[in-house]
Amino acid sequence: MNPRFAYQLIAAAVVMLLLGFILPFSMMIGVLPSTFLLNFFSFAVSVAGLFTGIIALSMLVSNYRNRRDE
C-alpha cells in the first residue's frame, strides 16, 4: 500500500473531524441555525472522520510492519 495515500486519508480525516467540531460549535454560539439536517450532517462527518482516521492509521502500521519484516 502506498503510504502517501494513507497520509492523504489522514488529512481528509482531520478536515472532517474539524468540520464536525466547528459546525456544532457555531450552532451553539448562534452563528448557524440548529436544524435537524445540519445536526445530522455534523455528526455524520465527525463519525466518518473518526473511522477514516482509524483506517488510515491501520494502513500505515500495516505498511510499516511489512517493510520492517522484509
PDB file of N, CA and C in Angstrom:
ATOM      1  N   MET A   1       0.845  -1.179   0.000  1.00  0.00           N
ATOM      2  CA  MET A   1       0.000   0.000   0.000  1.00  0.00           C
ATOM      3  C   MET A   1       0.886   1.236   0.000  1.00  0.00           C
ATOM      4  N   ASN A   2       0.455   2.216  -0.715  1.00  0.00           N
ATOM      5  CA  ASN A   2       1.193   3.465  -0.833  1.00  0.00           C
ATOM      6  C   ASN A   2       1.000   4.305   0.434  1.00  0.00           C
ATOM      7  N   PRO A   3       2.083   4.636   1.137  1.00  0.00           N
ATOM      8  CA  PRO A   3       1.916   5.433   2.362  1.00  0.00           C
ATOM      9  C   PRO A   3       1.404   6.845   2.084  1.00  0.00           C
ATOM     10  N   ARG A   4       1.634   7.341   0.884  1.00  0.00           N
ATOM     11  CA  ARG A   4       1.141   8.680   0.559  1.00  0.00           C
ATOM     12  C   ARG A   4      -0.382   8.723   0.587  1.00  0.00           C
ATOM     13  N   PHE A   5      -1.018   7.638   0.140  1.00  0.00           N
ATOM     14  CA  PHE A   5      -2.480   7.554   0.177  1.00  0.00           C
ATOM     15  C   PHE A   5      -2.978   7.568   1.619  1.00  0.00           C
ATOM     16  N   ALA A   6      -2.253   6.898   2.503  1.00  0.00           N
ATOM     17  CA  ALA A   6      -2.650   6.881   3.915  1.00  0.00           C
ATOM     18  C   ALA A   6      -2.534   8.283   4.518  1.00  0.00           C
ATOM     19  N   TYR A   7      -1.488   9.010   4.161  1.00  0.00           N
ATOM     20  CA  TYR A   7      -1.352  10.375   4.661  1.00  0.00           C
ATOM     21  C   TYR A   7      -2.449  11.285   4.113  1.00  0.00           C
ATOM     22  N   GLN A   8      -2.862  11.060   2.880  1.00  0.00           N
ATOM     23  CA  GLN A   8      -3.970  11.829   2.320  1.00  0.00           C
ATOM     24  C   GLN A   8      -5.273  11.518   3.055  1.00  0.00           C
ATOM     25  N   LEU A   9      -5.452  10.253   3.404  1.00  0.00           N
ATOM     26  CA  LEU A   9      -6.635   9.883   4.177  1.00  0.00           C
ATOM     27  C   LEU A   9      -6.609  10.511   5.563  1.00  0.00           C
ATOM     28  N   ILE A  10      -5.442  10.577   6.170  1.00  0.00           N
ATOM     29  CA  ILE A  10      -5.330  11.214   7.487  1.00  0.00           C
ATOM     30  C   ILE A  10      -5.667  12.702   7.380  1.00  0.00           C
ATOM     31  N   ALA A  11      -5.196  13.344   6.329  1.00  0.00           N
ATOM     32  CA  ALA A  11      -5.517  14.766   6.132  1.00  0.00           C
ATOM     33  C   ALA A  11      -7.022  14.958   5.937  1.00  0.00           C
ATOM     34  N   ALA A  12      -7.643  14.078   5.170  1.00  0.00           N
ATOM     35  CA  ALA A  12      -9.094  14.169   4.975  1.00  0.00           C
ATOM     36  C   ALA A  12      -9.832  13.924   6.282  1.00  0.00           C
ATOM     37  N   ALA A  13      -9.331  12.996   7.094  1.00  0.00           N
ATOM     38  CA  ALA A  13      -9.958  12.708   8.380  1.00  0.00           C
ATOM     39  C   ALA A  13      -9.858  13.902   9.319  1.00  0.00           C
ATOM     40  N   VAL A  14      -8.716  14.577   9.305  1.00  0.00           N
ATOM     41  CA  VAL A  14      -8.547  15.762  10.155  1.00  0.00           C
ATOM     42  C   VAL A  14      -9.512  16.858   9.737  1.00  0.00           C
ATOM     43  N   VAL A  15      -9.674  17.046   8.435  1.00  0.00           N
ATOM     44  CA  VAL A  15     -10.613  18.062   7.941  1.00  0.00           C
ATOM     45  C   VAL A  15     -12.040  17.707   8.358  1.00  0.00           C
ATOM     46  N   MET A  16     -12.402  16.432   8.227  1.00  0.00           N
ATOM     47  CA  MET A  16     -13.752  16.022   8.614  1.00  0.00           C
ATOM     48  C   MET A  16     -13.979  16.181  10.112  1.00  0.00           C
ATOM     49  N   LEU A  17     -12.975  15.835  10.915  1.00  0.00           N
ATOM     50  CA  LEU A  17     -13.120  15.989  12.364  1.00  0.00           C
ATOM     51  C   LEU A  17     -13.211  17.461  12.758  1.00  0.00           C
ATOM     52  N   LEU A  18     -12.436  18.307  12.104  1.00  0.00           N
ATOM     53  CA  LEU A  18     -12.534  19.743  12.391  1.00  0.00           C
ATOM     54  C   LEU A  18     -13.898  20.295  11.996  1.00  0.00           C
ATOM     55  N   LEU A  19     -14.411  19.847  10.857  1.00  0.00           N
ATOM     56  CA  LEU A  19     -15.739  20.274  10.429  1.00  0.00           C
ATOM     57  C   LEU A  19     -16.793  19.766  11.403  1.00  0.00           C
ATOM     58  N   GLY A  20     -16.607  18.544  11.901  1.00  0.00           N
ATOM     59  CA  GLY A  20     -17.529  18.002  12.886  1.00  0.00           C
ATOM     60  C   GLY A  20     -17.446  18.715  14.221  1.00  0.00           C
ATOM     61  N   PHE A  21     -16.389  19.453  14.465  1.00  0.00           N
ATOM     62  CA  PHE A  21     -16.285  20.259  15.684  1.00  0.00           C
ATOM     63  C   PHE A  21     -16.780  21.685  15.453  1.00  0.00           C
ATOM     64  N   ILE A  22     -16.419  22.259  14.310  1.00  0.00           N
ATOM     65  CA  ILE A  22     -16.747  23.666  14.044  1.00  0.00           C
ATOM     66  C   ILE A  22     -18.246  23.872  13.837  1.00  0.00           C
ATOM     67  N   LEU A  23     -18.891  22.941  13.136  1.00  0.00           N
ATOM     68  CA  LEU A  23     -20.325  23.110  12.887  1.00  0.00           C
ATOM     69  C   LEU A  23     -21.154  23.124  14.176  1.00  0.00           C
ATOM     70  N   PRO A  24     -21.009  22.147  15.080  1.00  0.00           N
ATOM     71  CA  PRO A  24     -21.800  22.242  16.322  1.00  0.00           C
ATOM     72  C   PRO A  24     -21.422  23.438  17.196  1.00  0.00           C
ATOM     73  N   PHE A  25     -20.141  23.798  17.171  1.00  0.00           N
ATOM     74  CA  PHE A  25     -19.729  24.955  17.957  1.00  0.00           C
ATOM     75  C   PHE A  25     -20.370  26.232  17.426  1.00  0.00           C
ATOM     76  N   SER A  26     -20.404  26.377  16.092  1.00  0.00           N
ATOM     77  CA  SER A  26     -21.025  27.572  15.523  1.00  0.00           C
ATOM     78  C   SER A  26     -22.542  27.557  15.721  1.00  0.00           C
ATOM     79  N   MET A  27     -23.145  26.371  15.803  1.00  0.00           N
ATOM     80  CA  MET A  27     -24.565  26.312  16.126  1.00  0.00           C
ATOM     81  C   MET A  27     -24.800  26.693  17.587  1.00  0.00           C
ATOM     82  N   MET A  28     -23.878  26.316  18.448  1.00  0.00           N
ATOM     83  CA  MET A  28     -24.028  26.598  19.869  1.00  0.00           C
ATOM     84  C   MET A  28     -23.907  28.097  20.157  1.00  0.00           C
ATOM     85  N   ILE A  29     -23.000  28.784  19.464  1.00  0.00           N
ATOM     86  CA  ILE A  29     -22.846  30.215  19.735  1.00  0.00           C
ATOM     87  C   ILE A  29     -23.800  31.071  18.905  1.00  0.00           C
ATOM     88  N   GLY A  30     -24.602  30.441  18.047  1.00  0.00           N
ATOM     89  CA  GLY A  30     -25.645  31.160  17.332  1.00  0.00           C
ATOM     90  C   GLY A  30     -25.274  31.673  15.965  1.00  0.00           C
ATOM     91  N   VAL A  31     -24.156  31.266  15.419  1.00  0.00           N
ATOM     92  CA  VAL A  31     -23.769  31.707  14.077  1.00  0.00           C
ATOM     93  C   VAL A  31     -24.610  30.999  13.027  1.00  0.00           C
ATOM     94  N   LEU A  32     -24.816  29.697  13.209  1.00  0.00           N
ATOM     95  CA  LEU A  32     -25.640  28.893  12.305  1.00  0.00           C
ATOM     96  C   LEU A  32     -26.907  28.459  13.024  1.00  0.00           C
ATOM     97  N   PRO A  33     -28.017  28.344  12.292  1.00  0.00           N
ATOM     98  CA  PRO A  33     -29.224  27.819  12.949  1.00  0.00           C
ATOM     99  C   PRO A  33     -29.092  26.317  13.179  1.00  0.00           C
ATOM    100  N   SER A  34     -29.660  25.866  14.271  1.00  0.00           N
ATOM    101  CA  SER A  34     -29.590  24.449  14.611  1.00  0.00           C
ATOM    102  C   SER A  34     -30.779  23.736  13.973  1.00  0.00           C
ATOM    103  N   THR A  35     -30.521  23.078  12.840  1.00  0.00           N
ATOM    104  CA  THR A  35     -31.562  22.312  12.168  1.00  0.00           C
ATOM    105  C   THR A  35     -31.218  20.831  12.263  1.00  0.00           C
ATOM    106  N   PHE A  36     -32.227  20.003  12.048  1.00  0.00           N
ATOM    107  CA  PHE A  36     -32.009  18.567  12.123  1.00  0.00           C
ATOM    108  C   PHE A  36     -31.006  18.115  11.071  1.00  0.00           C
ATOM    109  N   LEU A  37     -31.123  18.623   9.870  1.00  0.00           N
ATOM    110  CA  LEU A  37     -30.223  18.229   8.783  1.00  0.00           C
ATOM    111  C   LEU A  37     -28.777  18.631   9.082  1.00  0.00           C
ATOM    112  N   LEU A  38     -28.584  19.820   9.577  1.00  0.00           N
ATOM    113  CA  LEU A  38     -27.231  20.278   9.908  1.00  0.00           C
ATOM    114  C   LEU A  38     -26.655  19.512  11.096  1.00  0.00           C
ATOM    115  N   ASN A  39     -27.479  19.200  12.073  1.00  0.00           N
ATOM    116  CA  ASN A  39     -27.017  18.387  13.202  1.00  0.00           C
ATOM    117  C   ASN A  39     -26.624  16.992  12.745  1.00  0.00           C
ATOM    118  N   PHE A  40     -27.441  16.382  11.917  1.00  0.00           N
ATOM    119  CA  PHE A  40     -27.139  15.046  11.420  1.00  0.00           C
ATOM    120  C   PHE A  40     -25.889  15.066  10.552  1.00  0.00           C
ATOM    121  N   PHE A  41     -25.741  16.082   9.715  1.00  0.00           N
ATOM    122  CA  PHE A  41     -24.563  16.194   8.854  1.00  0.00           C
ATOM    123  C   PHE A  41     -23.286  16.350   9.680  1.00  0.00           C
ATOM    124  N   SER A  42     -23.316  17.173  10.707  1.00  0.00           N
ATOM    125  CA  SER A  42     -22.112  17.361  11.524  1.00  0.00           C
ATOM    126  C   SER A  42     -21.758  16.087  12.284  1.00  0.00           C
ATOM    127  N   PHE A  43     -22.766  15.349  12.749  1.00  0.00           N
ATOM    128  CA  PHE A  43     -22.498  14.089  13.422  1.00  0.00           C
ATOM    129  C   PHE A  43     -21.924  13.063  12.449  1.00  0.00           C
ATOM    130  N   ALA A  44     -22.512  12.970  11.263  1.00  0.00           N
ATOM    131  CA  ALA A  44     -22.050  12.005  10.263  1.00  0.00           C
ATOM    132  C   ALA A  44     -20.626  12.320   9.801  1.00  0.00           C
ATOM    133  N   VAL A  45     -20.319  13.578   9.615  1.00  0.00           N
ATOM    134  CA  VAL A  45     -18.969  13.964   9.193  1.00  0.00           C
ATOM    135  C   VAL A  45     -17.960  13.652  10.285  1.00  0.00           C
ATOM    136  N   SER A  46     -18.332  13.870  11.520  1.00  0.00           N
ATOM    137  CA  SER A  46     -17.435  13.577  12.628  1.00  0.00           C
ATOM    138  C   SER A  46     -17.167  12.077  12.749  1.00  0.00           C
ATOM    139  N   VAL A  47     -18.194  11.262  12.642  1.00  0.00           N
ATOM    140  CA  VAL A  47     -18.026   9.810  12.732  1.00  0.00           C
ATOM    141  C   VAL A  47     -17.245   9.289  11.532  1.00  0.00           C
ATOM    142  N   ALA A  48     -17.530   9.812  10.347  1.00  0.00           N
ATOM    143  CA  ALA A  48     -16.793   9.392   9.148  1.00  0.00           C
ATOM    144  C   ALA A  48     -15.317   9.775   9.257  1.00  0.00           C
ATOM    145  N   GLY A  49     -15.029  10.933   9.808  1.00  0.00           N
ATOM    146  CA  GLY A  49     -13.647  11.343  10.004  1.00  0.00           C
ATOM    147  C   GLY A  49     -12.915  10.462  10.997  1.00  0.00           C
ATOM    148  N   LEU A  50     -13.616  10.055  12.045  1.00  0.00           N
ATOM    149  CA  LEU A  50     -13.008   9.166  13.028  1.00  0.00           C
ATOM    150  C   LEU A  50     -12.667   7.815  12.403  1.00  0.00           C
ATOM    151  N   PHE A  51     -13.607   7.230  11.682  1.00  0.00           N
ATOM    152  CA  PHE A  51     -13.358   5.933  11.057  1.00  0.00           C
ATOM    153  C   PHE A  51     -12.313   6.022   9.952  1.00  0.00           C
ATOM    154  N   THR A  52     -12.316   7.107   9.198  1.00  0.00           N
ATOM    155  CA  THR A  52     -11.311   7.286   8.150  1.00  0.00           C
ATOM    156  C   THR A  52      -9.918   7.397   8.757  1.00  0.00           C
ATOM    157  N   GLY A  53      -9.798   8.112   9.852  1.00  0.00           N
ATOM    158  CA  GLY A  53      -8.509   8.222  10.519  1.00  0.00           C
ATOM    159  C   GLY A  53      -8.025   6.897  11.069  1.00  0.00           C
ATOM    160  N   ILE A  54      -8.928   6.106  11.639  1.00  0.00           N
ATOM    161  CA  ILE A  54      -8.544   4.795  12.158  1.00  0.00           C
ATOM    162  C   ILE A  54      -8.093   3.882  11.033  1.00  0.00           C
ATOM    163  N   ILE A  55      -8.803   3.895   9.923  1.00  0.00           N
ATOM    164  CA  ILE A  55      -8.428   3.065   8.782  1.00  0.00           C
ATOM    165  C   ILE A  55      -7.078   3.498   8.217  1.00  0.00           C
ATOM    166  N   ALA A  56      -6.854   4.805   8.105  1.00  0.00           N
ATOM    167  CA  ALA A  56      -5.586   5.300   7.564  1.00  0.00           C
ATOM    168  C   ALA A  56      -4.418   4.951   8.483  1.00  0.00           C
ATOM    169  N   LEU A  57      -4.614   5.075   9.781  1.00  0.00           N
ATOM    170  CA  LEU A  57      -3.542   4.722  10.702  1.00  0.00           C
ATOM    171  C   LEU A  57      -3.249   3.227  10.674  1.00  0.00           C
ATOM    172  N   SER A  58      -4.282   2.416  10.524  1.00  0.00           N
ATOM    173  CA  SER A  58      -4.029   0.973  10.421  1.00  0.00           C
ATOM    174  C   SER A  58      -3.299   0.635   9.126  1.00  0.00           C
ATOM    175  N   MET A  59      -3.564   1.370   8.064  1.00  0.00           N
ATOM    176  CA  MET A  59      -2.828   1.165   6.812  1.00  0.00           C
ATOM    177  C   MET A  59      -1.358   1.523   6.994  1.00  0.00           C
ATOM    178  N   LEU A  60      -1.073   2.606   7.703  1.00  0.00           N
ATOM    179  CA  LEU A  60       0.312   2.991   7.940  1.00  0.00           C
ATOM    180  C   LEU A  60       1.038   1.971   8.810  1.00  0.00           C
ATOM    181  N   VAL A  61       0.380   1.475   9.839  1.00  0.00           N
ATOM    182  CA  VAL A  61       1.001   0.481  10.709  1.00  0.00           C
ATOM    183  C   VAL A  61       1.260  -0.808   9.946  1.00  0.00           C
ATOM    184  N   SER A  62       0.312  -1.220   9.123  1.00  0.00           N
ATOM    185  CA  SER A  62       0.492  -2.432   8.317  1.00  0.00           C
ATOM    186  C   SER A  62       1.651  -2.270   7.343  1.00  0.00           C
ATOM    187  N   ASN A  63       1.746  -1.108   6.731  1.00  0.00           N
ATOM    188  CA  ASN A  63       2.837  -0.847   5.800  1.00  0.00           C
ATOM    189  C   ASN A  63       4.180  -0.845   6.530  1.00  0.00           C
ATOM    190  N   TYR A  64       4.218  -0.257   7.712  1.00  0.00           N
ATOM    191  CA  TYR A  64       5.458  -0.226   8.494  1.00  0.00           C
ATOM    192  C   TYR A  64       5.879  -1.631   8.912  1.00  0.00           C
ATOM    193  N   ARG A  65       4.921  -2.437   9.348  1.00  0.00           N
ATOM    194  CA  ARG A  65       5.249  -3.804   9.775  1.00  0.00           C
ATOM    195  C   ARG A  65       5.724  -4.657   8.600  1.00  0.00           C
ATOM    196  N   ASN A  66       5.088  -4.520   7.443  1.00  0.00           N
ATOM    197  CA  ASN A  66       5.508  -5.288   6.264  1.00  0.00           C
ATOM    198  C   ASN A  66       6.909  -4.876   5.828  1.00  0.00           C
ATOM    199  N   ARG A  67       7.196  -3.591   5.891  1.00  0.00           N
ATOM    200  CA  ARG A  67       8.513  -3.110   5.489  1.00  0.00           C
ATOM    201  C   ARG A  67       9.575  -3.536   6.490  1.00  0.00           C
ATOM    202  N   ARG A  68       9.227  -3.570   7.760  1.00  0.00           N
ATOM    203  CA  ARG A  68      10.170  -3.960   8.796  1.00  0.00           C
ATOM    204  C   ARG A  68      10.506  -5.461   8.703  1.00  0.00           C
ATOM    205  N   ASP A  69       9.524  -6.286   8.336  1.00  0.00           N
ATOM    206  CA  ASP A  69       9.737  -7.742   8.259  1.00  0.00           C
ATOM    207  C   ASP A  69      10.578  -8.139   7.052  1.00  0.00           C
ATOM    208  N   GLU A  70      10.655  -7.303   6.056  1.00  0.00           N
ATOM    209  CA  GLU A  70      11.414  -7.662   4.840  1.00  0.00           C
ATOM    210  C   GLU A  70      12.893  -7.535   5.050  1.00  0.00           C
TER     211      GLU A  70
END
